[in-house]
C-alpha atoms as a PDB file:
ATOM      1  CA  UNK A   1      16.556   0.239   7.861  1.00  0.00           C
ATOM      2  CA  UNK A   2      18.642  -2.682   9.067  1.00  0.00           C
ATOM      3  CA  UNK A   3      17.328  -6.134   9.747  1.00  0.00           C
ATOM      4  CA  UNK A   4      18.713  -5.676  13.281  1.00  0.00           C
ATOM      5  CA  UNK A   5      15.976  -3.118  13.929  1.00  0.00           C
ATOM      6  CA  UNK A   6      13.354  -5.524  12.622  1.00  0.00           C
ATOM      7  CA  UNK A   7      14.588  -8.227  14.970  1.00  0.00           C
ATOM      8  CA  UNK A   8      14.584  -5.773  17.869  1.00  0.00           C
ATOM      9  CA  UNK A   9      11.182  -4.170  17.280  1.00  0.00           C
ATOM     10  CA  UNK A  10       9.369  -6.932  15.403  1.00  0.00           C
ATOM     11  CA  UNK A  11       7.505  -6.708  12.079  1.00  0.00           C
ATOM     12  CA  UNK A  12       6.051  -3.275  12.982  1.00  0.00           C
ATOM     13  CA  UNK A  13       9.474  -1.746  12.376  1.00  0.00           C
ATOM     14  CA  UNK A  14       8.983  -2.312   8.639  1.00  0.00           C
ATOM     15  CA  UNK A  15       6.227   0.306   8.406  1.00  0.00           C
ATOM     16  CA  UNK A  16       8.743   3.023   9.369  1.00  0.00           C
ATOM     17  CA  UNK A  17      11.080   2.058   6.540  1.00  0.00           C
ATOM     18  CA  UNK A  18       9.229   4.029   3.862  1.00  0.00           C
ATOM     19  CA  UNK A  19       7.757   7.503   3.673  1.00  0.00           C
ATOM     20  CA  UNK A  20       5.643   8.642   6.660  1.00  0.00           C
ATOM     21  CA  UNK A  21       2.588   8.331   4.415  1.00  0.00           C
ATOM     22  CA  UNK A  22       3.123   4.566   4.545  1.00  0.00           C
ATOM     23  CA  UNK A  23       2.054   4.703   8.200  1.00  0.00           C
ATOM     24  CA  UNK A  24      -1.299   6.146   7.129  1.00  0.00           C
ATOM     25  CA  UNK A  25      -1.814   3.262   4.694  1.00  0.00           C
ATOM     26  CA  UNK A  26      -0.815   0.850   7.463  1.00  0.00           C
ATOM     27  CA  UNK A  27      -3.499   2.318   9.758  1.00  0.00           C
ATOM     28  CA  UNK A  28      -6.089   2.098   6.971  1.00  0.00           C
ATOM     29  CA  UNK A  29      -5.223  -1.537   6.266  1.00  0.00           C
ATOM     30  CA  UNK A  30      -5.090  -2.497   9.939  1.00  0.00           C
ATOM     31  CA  UNK A  31      -8.550  -1.012  10.479  1.00  0.00           C
ATOM     32  CA  UNK A  32     -10.185  -3.030   7.706  1.00  0.00           C
ATOM     33  CA  UNK A  33      -8.202  -6.268   7.414  1.00  0.00           C
ATOM     34  CA  UNK A  34     -10.109  -9.360   8.472  1.00  0.00           C
ATOM     35  CA  UNK A  35      -8.253 -11.372  11.125  1.00  0.00           C
ATOM     36  CA  UNK A  36      -7.863 -15.122  11.345  1.00  0.00           C
ATOM     37  CA  UNK A  37      -6.820 -17.869   8.915  1.00  0.00           C
ATOM     38  CA  UNK A  38      -8.196 -16.183   5.793  1.00  0.00           C
ATOM     39  CA  UNK A  39      -6.275 -16.071   2.525  1.00  0.00           C
ATOM     40  CA  UNK A  40      -4.871 -12.638   1.628  1.00  0.00           C
ATOM     41  CA  UNK A  41      -3.081 -11.289  -1.451  1.00  0.00           C
ATOM     42  CA  UNK A  42      -0.804  -8.267  -1.176  1.00  0.00           C
ATOM     43  CA  UNK A  43      -0.750  -7.044  -4.783  1.00  0.00           C
ATOM     44  CA  UNK A  44       2.337  -4.856  -4.979  1.00  0.00           C
ATOM     45  CA  UNK A  45       3.977  -5.845  -1.708  1.00  0.00           C
ATOM     46  CA  UNK A  46       6.843  -3.339  -1.609  1.00  0.00           C
ATOM     47  CA  UNK A  47       8.936  -3.819   1.538  1.00  0.00           C
ATOM     48  CA  UNK A  48       6.476  -6.402   2.859  1.00  0.00           C
ATOM     49  CA  UNK A  49       5.131  -4.352   5.777  1.00  0.00           C
ATOM     50  CA  UNK A  50       1.462  -4.843   4.895  1.00  0.00           C
ATOM     51  CA  UNK A  51       1.939  -8.537   4.163  1.00  0.00           C
ATOM     52  CA  UNK A  52       3.649  -9.020   7.527  1.00  0.00           C
ATOM     53  CA  UNK A  53       0.847  -7.154   9.278  1.00  0.00           C
ATOM     54  CA  UNK A  54      -1.726  -9.440   7.648  1.00  0.00           C
ATOM     55  CA  UNK A  55       0.347 -12.439   8.686  1.00  0.00           C
ATOM     56  CA  UNK A  56       0.442 -11.167  12.273  1.00  0.00           C
ATOM     57  CA  UNK A  57      -3.372 -11.157  12.210  1.00  0.00           C
ATOM     58  CA  UNK A  58      -3.337 -14.866  11.370  1.00  0.00           C
ATOM     59  CA  UNK A  59      -3.810 -14.460   7.593  1.00  0.00           C
ATOM     60  CA  UNK A  60      -2.179 -16.791   5.086  1.00  0.00           C
ATOM     61  CA  UNK A  61      -0.575 -14.259   2.751  1.00  0.00           C
ATOM     62  CA  UNK A  62       0.785 -14.254  -0.784  1.00  0.00           C
ATOM     63  CA  UNK A  63       2.924 -11.113  -1.252  1.00  0.00           C
ATOM     64  CA  UNK A  64       3.401 -10.254  -4.911  1.00  0.00           C
ATOM     65  CA  UNK A  65       5.941  -7.885  -6.509  1.00  0.00           C
ATOM     66  CA  UNK A  66       8.091  -7.661  -9.639  1.00  0.00           C
ATOM     67  CA  UNK A  67      11.084  -6.248  -7.691  1.00  0.00           C
ATOM     68  CA  UNK A  68      13.254  -9.250  -6.812  1.00  0.00           C
ATOM     69  CA  UNK A  69      15.702  -7.323  -4.615  1.00  0.00           C
ATOM     70  CA  UNK A  70      12.901  -5.751  -2.576  1.00  0.00           C
ATOM     71  CA  UNK A  71      11.148  -9.081  -2.089  1.00  0.00           C
ATOM     72  CA  UNK A  72      14.434 -10.657  -1.017  1.00  0.00           C
ATOM     73  CA  UNK A  73      14.800  -8.026   1.714  1.00  0.00           C
ATOM     74  CA  UNK A  74      11.165  -8.532   2.719  1.00  0.00           C
ATOM     75  CA  UNK A  75      11.779 -12.269   3.013  1.00  0.00           C
ATOM     76  CA  UNK A  76      14.773 -11.672   5.264  1.00  0.00           C
ATOM     77  CA  UNK A  77      12.638  -9.470   7.500  1.00  0.00           C
ATOM     78  CA  UNK A  78       9.949 -12.144   7.635  1.00  0.00           C
ATOM     79  CA  UNK A  79      12.597 -14.681   8.604  1.00  0.00           C
ATOM     80  CA  UNK A  80      13.911 -12.298  11.270  1.00  0.00           C
ATOM     81  CA  UNK A  81      10.542 -12.197  13.012  1.00  0.00           C
ATOM     82  CA  UNK A  82       9.791 -15.874  12.233  1.00  0.00           C
ATOM     83  CA  UNK A  83       6.748 -15.043  10.141  1.00  0.00           C
ATOM     84  CA  UNK A  84       5.940 -18.250   8.263  1.00  0.00           C
ATOM     85  CA  UNK A  85       2.415 -17.402   7.112  1.00  0.00           C
ATOM     86  CA  UNK A  86       3.666 -15.043   4.376  1.00  0.00           C
ATOM     87  CA  UNK A  87       4.872 -16.340   1.004  1.00  0.00           C
ATOM     88  CA  UNK A  88       6.767 -13.830  -1.136  1.00  0.00           C
ATOM     89  CA  UNK A  89       6.411 -14.365  -4.856  1.00  0.00           C
ATOM     90  CA  UNK A  90       7.827 -12.625  -7.926  1.00  0.00           C
ATOM     91  CA  UNK A  91       5.048 -11.493 -10.235  1.00  0.00           C
ATOM     92  CA  UNK A  92       4.491  -8.532 -12.539  1.00  0.00           C
ATOM     93  CA  UNK A  93       0.980  -7.157 -12.080  1.00  0.00           C
ATOM     94  CA  UNK A  94       1.076  -5.883 -15.658  1.00  0.00           C
ATOM     95  CA  UNK A  95       1.001  -9.547 -16.672  1.00  0.00           C
ATOM     96  CA  UNK A  96      -1.350 -10.818 -13.984  1.00  0.00           C
ATOM     97  CA  UNK A  97      -3.638 -12.442 -16.562  1.00  0.00           C
ATOM     98  CA  UNK A  98      -0.836 -14.874 -17.481  1.00  0.00           C
ATOM     99  CA  UNK A  99      -0.468 -16.363 -13.985  1.00  0.00           C
ATOM    100  CA  UNK A 100      -3.667 -15.497 -12.109  1.00  0.00           C
ATOM    101  CA  UNK A 101      -4.872 -19.122 -12.187  1.00  0.00           C
ATOM    102  CA  UNK A 102      -1.727 -20.193 -10.314  1.00  0.00           C
ATOM    103  CA  UNK A 103      -2.569 -17.883  -7.425  1.00  0.00           C
ATOM    104  CA  UNK A 104      -5.987 -19.339  -6.593  1.00  0.00           C
ATOM    105  CA  UNK A 105      -8.658 -17.258  -4.888  1.00  0.00           C
ATOM    106  CA  UNK A 106      -8.553 -14.988  -1.853  1.00  0.00           C
ATOM    107  CA  UNK A 107     -10.725 -13.747   0.985  1.00  0.00           C
ATOM    108  CA  UNK A 108      -9.147 -10.303   0.780  1.00  0.00           C
ATOM    109  CA  UNK A 109      -6.713  -8.368  -1.375  1.00  0.00           C
ATOM    110  CA  UNK A 110      -4.514  -5.371  -0.600  1.00  0.00           C
ATOM    111  CA  UNK A 111      -3.723  -3.007  -3.474  1.00  0.00           C
ATOM    112  CA  UNK A 112      -2.166   0.090  -1.935  1.00  0.00           C
ATOM    113  CA  UNK A 113      -0.694   2.855  -4.138  1.00  0.00           C
ATOM    114  CA  UNK A 114      -0.382   0.526  -7.129  1.00  0.00           C
ATOM    115  CA  UNK A 115      -2.922   1.290  -9.868  1.00  0.00           C
ATOM    116  CA  UNK A 116      -1.414   4.711 -10.610  1.00  0.00           C
ATOM    117  CA  UNK A 117       1.709   2.920 -11.871  1.00  0.00           C
ATOM    118  CA  UNK A 118      -0.121   0.965 -14.589  1.00  0.00           C
ATOM    119  CA  UNK A 119      -1.615   2.102 -17.873  1.00  0.00           C
ATOM    120  CA  UNK A 120      -4.239  -0.649 -17.699  1.00  0.00           C
ATOM    121  CA  UNK A 121      -5.507   0.297 -14.247  1.00  0.00           C
ATOM    122  CA  UNK A 122      -9.107  -0.775 -14.885  1.00  0.00           C
ATOM    123  CA  UNK A 123      -7.932  -4.146 -16.183  1.00  0.00           C
ATOM    124  CA  UNK A 124      -5.879  -4.743 -13.036  1.00  0.00           C
ATOM    125  CA  UNK A 125      -8.856  -3.925 -10.819  1.00  0.00           C
ATOM    126  CA  UNK A 126     -11.016  -6.294 -12.885  1.00  0.00           C
ATOM    127  CA  UNK A 127      -8.474  -9.115 -12.550  1.00  0.00           C
ATOM    128  CA  UNK A 128      -8.091  -8.584  -8.805  1.00  0.00           C
ATOM    129  CA  UNK A 129     -11.880  -8.609  -8.393  1.00  0.00           C
ATOM    130  CA  UNK A 130     -11.927 -11.938 -10.202  1.00  0.00           C
ATOM    131  CA  UNK A 131      -9.499 -13.385  -7.647  1.00  0.00           C
ATOM    132  CA  UNK A 132     -11.834 -12.625  -4.765  1.00  0.00           C
ATOM    133  CA  UNK A 133     -14.086 -15.289  -3.335  1.00  0.00           C
ATOM    134  CA  UNK A 134     -17.764 -14.344  -2.915  1.00  0.00           C
ATOM    135  CA  UNK A 135     -17.914 -11.985   0.033  1.00  0.00           C
ATOM    136  CA  UNK A 136     -14.215 -11.234  -0.263  1.00  0.00           C
ATOM    137  CA  UNK A 137     -12.951  -7.675   0.038  1.00  0.00           C
ATOM    138  CA  UNK A 138     -10.470  -5.448  -1.785  1.00  0.00           C
ATOM    139  CA  UNK A 139      -8.672  -2.727   0.177  1.00  0.00           C
ATOM    140  CA  UNK A 140      -7.345  -0.124  -2.229  1.00  0.00           C
ATOM    141  CA  UNK A 141      -5.651   3.252  -2.082  1.00  0.00           C
ATOM    142  CA  UNK A 142      -4.346   5.576  -4.792  1.00  0.00           C
ATOM    143  CA  UNK A 143      -3.174   9.181  -5.099  1.00  0.00           C
ATOM    144  CA  UNK A 144      -5.908  11.790  -4.990  1.00  0.00           C
ATOM    145  CA  UNK A 145      -6.413  13.842  -8.137  1.00  0.00           C
ATOM    146  CA  UNK A 146      -6.446  16.904  -5.845  1.00  0.00           C
ATOM    147  CA  UNK A 147      -3.133  16.264  -4.080  1.00  0.00           C
ATOM    148  CA  UNK A 148      -0.253  18.726  -4.200  1.00  0.00           C
ATOM    149  CA  UNK A 149       3.094  17.559  -5.595  1.00  0.00           C
ATOM    150  CA  UNK A 150       5.464  15.868  -3.193  1.00  0.00           C
ATOM    151  CA  UNK A 151       9.196  16.502  -3.369  1.00  0.00           C
ATOM    152  CA  UNK A 152      10.618  15.070  -6.620  1.00  0.00           C
ATOM    153  CA  UNK A 153       7.175  13.821  -7.696  1.00  0.00           C
ATOM    154  CA  UNK A 154       6.701  13.603 -11.460  1.00  0.00           C
ATOM    155  CA  UNK A 155       4.768  11.643 -14.034  1.00  0.00           C
ATOM    156  CA  UNK A 156       6.247   9.078 -16.399  1.00  0.00           C
ATOM    157  CA  UNK A 157       5.172   8.514 -19.980  1.00  0.00           C
ATOM    158  CA  UNK A 158       6.084   4.827 -19.690  1.00  0.00           C
ATOM    159  CA  UNK A 159       5.564   2.092 -17.092  1.00  0.00           C
ATOM    160  CA  UNK A 160       9.056   2.429 -15.628  1.00  0.00           C
ATOM    161  CA  UNK A 161       8.023   2.216 -11.972  1.00  0.00           C
ATOM    162  CA  UNK A 162       6.822   5.802 -11.693  1.00  0.00           C
ATOM    163  CA  UNK A 163       3.292   7.175 -11.741  1.00  0.00           C
ATOM    164  CA  UNK A 164       1.660   7.224 -15.145  1.00  0.00           C
ATOM    165  CA  UNK A 165      -1.258   9.375 -13.952  1.00  0.00           C
ATOM    166  CA  UNK A 166      -1.669  12.078 -11.338  1.00  0.00           C
ATOM    167  CA  UNK A 167      -4.475  10.490  -9.346  1.00  0.00           C
ATOM    168  CA  UNK A 168      -8.157   9.740  -8.894  1.00  0.00           C
ATOM    169  CA  UNK A 169     -11.184  11.308  -7.317  1.00  0.00           C
ATOM    170  CA  UNK A 170     -13.235   9.204  -4.914  1.00  0.00           C
ATOM    171  CA  UNK A 171     -15.928   9.083  -7.594  1.00  0.00           C
ATOM    172  CA  UNK A 172     -13.495   7.786 -10.222  1.00  0.00           C
ATOM    173  CA  UNK A 173     -12.143   5.113  -7.880  1.00  0.00           C
ATOM    174  CA  UNK A 174     -15.677   4.007  -6.996  1.00  0.00           C
ATOM    175  CA  UNK A 175     -16.618   3.829 -10.678  1.00  0.00           C
ATOM    176  CA  UNK A 176     -13.617   1.590 -11.402  1.00  0.00           C
ATOM    177  CA  UNK A 177     -14.503  -0.764  -8.567  1.00  0.00           C
ATOM    178  CA  UNK A 178     -18.165  -0.957  -9.539  1.00  0.00           C
ATOM    179  CA  UNK A 179     -17.230  -1.581 -13.174  1.00  0.00           C
ATOM    180  CA  UNK A 180     -15.275  -4.606 -11.926  1.00  0.00           C
ATOM    181  CA  UNK A 181     -18.409  -5.967 -10.246  1.00  0.00           C
ATOM    182  CA  UNK A 182     -17.588  -4.901  -6.697  1.00  0.00           C
ATOM    183  CA  UNK A 183     -19.704  -3.036  -4.156  1.00  0.00           C
ATOM    184  CA  UNK A 184     -17.994  -0.150  -2.360  1.00  0.00           C
ATOM    185  CA  UNK A 185     -18.751  -0.269   1.369  1.00  0.00           C
ATOM    186  CA  UNK A 186     -16.334   2.403   2.638  1.00  0.00           C
ATOM    187  CA  UNK A 187     -14.453   5.395   1.267  1.00  0.00           C
ATOM    188  CA  UNK A 188     -11.958   7.788   2.763  1.00  0.00           C
ATOM    189  CA  UNK A 189      -8.878   9.987   2.426  1.00  0.00           C
ATOM    190  CA  UNK A 190      -5.489   9.578   4.102  1.00  0.00           C
ATOM    191  CA  UNK A 191      -2.129  11.368   4.420  1.00  0.00           C
ATOM    192  CA  UNK A 192      -2.812  15.022   5.003  1.00  0.00           C
ATOM    193  CA  UNK A 193      -0.675  18.093   5.603  1.00  0.00           C
ATOM    194  CA  UNK A 194       1.568  16.709   8.384  1.00  0.00           C
ATOM    195  CA  UNK A 195       2.234  13.386   6.657  1.00  0.00           C
ATOM    196  CA  UNK A 196       3.050  15.114   3.393  1.00  0.00           C
ATOM    197  CA  UNK A 197       5.422  17.630   4.990  1.00  0.00           C
ATOM    198  CA  UNK A 198       7.233  14.859   6.882  1.00  0.00           C
ATOM    199  CA  UNK A 199       7.494  12.840   3.678  1.00  0.00           C
ATOM    200  CA  UNK A 200       9.018  15.822   1.868  1.00  0.00           C
ATOM    201  CA  UNK A 201      11.487  16.323   4.734  1.00  0.00           C
ATOM    202  CA  UNK A 202      12.476  12.668   4.627  1.00  0.00           C
ATOM    203  CA  UNK A 203      12.959  12.699   0.866  1.00  0.00           C
ATOM    204  CA  UNK A 204      15.109  15.821   1.021  1.00  0.00           C
ATOM    205  CA  UNK A 205      17.264  14.236   3.701  1.00  0.00           C
ATOM    206  CA  UNK A 206      17.659  11.055   1.679  1.00  0.00           C
ATOM    207  CA  UNK A 207      18.950  13.136  -1.229  1.00  0.00           C
ATOM    208  CA  UNK A 208      21.776  14.364   1.013  1.00  0.00           C
ATOM    209  CA  UNK A 209      22.831  11.039   2.519  1.00  0.00           C
ATOM    210  CA  UNK A 210      20.937   7.705   2.540  1.00  0.00           C
ATOM    211  CA  UNK A 211      19.499   7.144   5.991  1.00  0.00           C
ATOM    212  CA  UNK A 212      19.646  10.784   7.100  1.00  0.00           C
ATOM    213  CA  UNK A 213      16.053  11.533   6.141  1.00  0.00           C
ATOM    214  CA  UNK A 214      14.809   8.452   7.957  1.00  0.00           C
ATOM    215  CA  UNK A 215      16.695   9.370  11.150  1.00  0.00           C
ATOM    216  CA  UNK A 216      15.548  13.012  11.087  1.00  0.00           C
ATOM    217  CA  UNK A 217      11.885  12.157  10.578  1.00  0.00           C
ATOM    218  CA  UNK A 218      11.662   9.191  12.965  1.00  0.00           C
ATOM    219  CA  UNK A 219      11.224  11.225  16.205  1.00  0.00           C
ATOM    220  CA  UNK A 220       8.749  13.539  14.444  1.00  0.00           C
ATOM    221  CA  UNK A 221       6.345  10.791  13.485  1.00  0.00           C
ATOM    222  CA  UNK A 222       4.339  11.323  16.677  1.00  0.00           C
ATOM    223  CA  UNK A 223       3.235  14.631  15.168  1.00  0.00           C
ATOM    224  CA  UNK A 224       1.254  12.571  12.653  1.00  0.00           C
ATOM    225  CA  UNK A 225      -1.365  12.132  15.363  1.00  0.00           C
ATOM    226  CA  UNK A 226      -2.389  15.709  14.514  1.00  0.00           C
ATOM    227  CA  UNK A 227      -2.521  15.074  10.785  1.00  0.00           C
ATOM    228  CA  UNK A 228      -6.270  14.937  10.249  1.00  0.00           C
ATOM    229  CA  UNK A 229      -7.326  17.956  12.364  1.00  0.00           C
ATOM    230  CA  UNK A 230      -4.482  20.087  10.982  1.00  0.00           C
ATOM    231  CA  UNK A 231      -5.375  19.102   7.417  1.00  0.00           C
ATOM    232  CA  UNK A 232      -9.026  20.014   7.895  1.00  0.00           C
ATOM    233  CA  UNK A 233      -8.124  23.286   9.604  1.00  0.00           C
ATOM    234  CA  UNK A 234      -5.852  24.294   6.710  1.00  0.00           C
ATOM    235  CA  UNK A 235      -8.214  22.896   4.076  1.00  0.00           C
ATOM    236  CA  UNK A 236      -5.231  21.068   2.631  1.00  0.00           C
ATOM    237  CA  UNK A 237      -5.911  18.286   0.109  1.00  0.00           C
ATOM    238  CA  UNK A 238      -5.177  14.742   1.255  1.00  0.00           C
ATOM    239  CA  UNK A 239      -2.578  12.744  -0.631  1.00  0.00           C
ATOM    240  CA  UNK A 240      -4.595   9.582  -1.234  1.00  0.00           C
ATOM    241  CA  UNK A 241      -8.123   8.256  -1.588  1.00  0.00           C
ATOM    242  CA  UNK A 242      -9.107   4.868  -0.164  1.00  0.00           C
ATOM    243  CA  UNK A 243     -11.926   2.385  -0.606  1.00  0.00           C
ATOM    244  CA  UNK A 244     -13.104  -0.969   0.689  1.00  0.00           C
ATOM    245  CA  UNK A 245     -14.995  -2.956  -1.924  1.00  0.00           C
ATOM    246  CA  UNK A 246     -16.685  -6.344  -1.581  1.00  0.00           C
ATOM    247  CA  UNK A 247     -17.485  -9.011  -4.136  1.00  0.00           C
ATOM    248  CA  UNK A 248     -21.191  -9.847  -3.859  1.00  0.00           C
ATOM    249  CA  UNK A 249     -21.957 -13.298  -2.442  1.00  0.00           C
END
C-alpha cells in the first residue's frame, strides 16, 4: 500500500494494508481503547495501524518493534497524516527485560498477535503487566488453539518471526494473564469464517504478484460485516481469542 493512499484516506488506510483479519483486531482495539491523553504502548507495532489509531484517540503512544524497515514505513505513514503523538522505537520484545525501565509506565498496552511468536510467552505477559500503572489495562489477542490452518500457515521450531505454537484457548490465555497479576474483565473471539477465507484469498493472490491479493480482496471487505453470523451458523472456529485485563489499583 502506497503512502499516497495513506495521505488520501488518512491513518485508517493502514488497517487495510495487512490481512483482512487485521480489521477484526482493529475493531477489537477501537472498542476497548481508552481515549484522551493517556500513555499507550503498542508492543509489536507491525505496520503501525493500531498505534496510529491510539494516537487519533488522543493517546501518547510508544510503538515498539524489532523490524527496522517496517517501523520506518510506519513512521513515514505517521508523518503523512501528521500524527505527532506516536513515537516509533526499535525494541526486541524477547529482550524487553533489558530496556523496560527506559520505557516508563503506561495506562494501557496493546499486544495483538504477538505472544505466539515467543517461546517465553508467559514472561512477556509478566513484563508487560509490570509496565502497567495501577488500573491500567492490557488488550491482547492470540491465535485460538481451535483455529483451522490459514494458507501457508506453519509452525517454526525457532523464534525466526513465525509462530512457535499453534494457539491458546480462552482458559489458557486467562490463566496467563492472572498469573501475571492481572484481572480479566472481558474475553472474546474474532476473525471467523469470512475473515479467514478473505485472508486466504489475499495470501494466494500475493503469491502470484505483490499487490494483486490486496486489490482483489479490497472490494470484498464489506462482506466481513457478515463474519460473525456466518461463523456461528457454520459452527466454524474463530481464528483468534481476545482478552482485556486490568492491573488492580
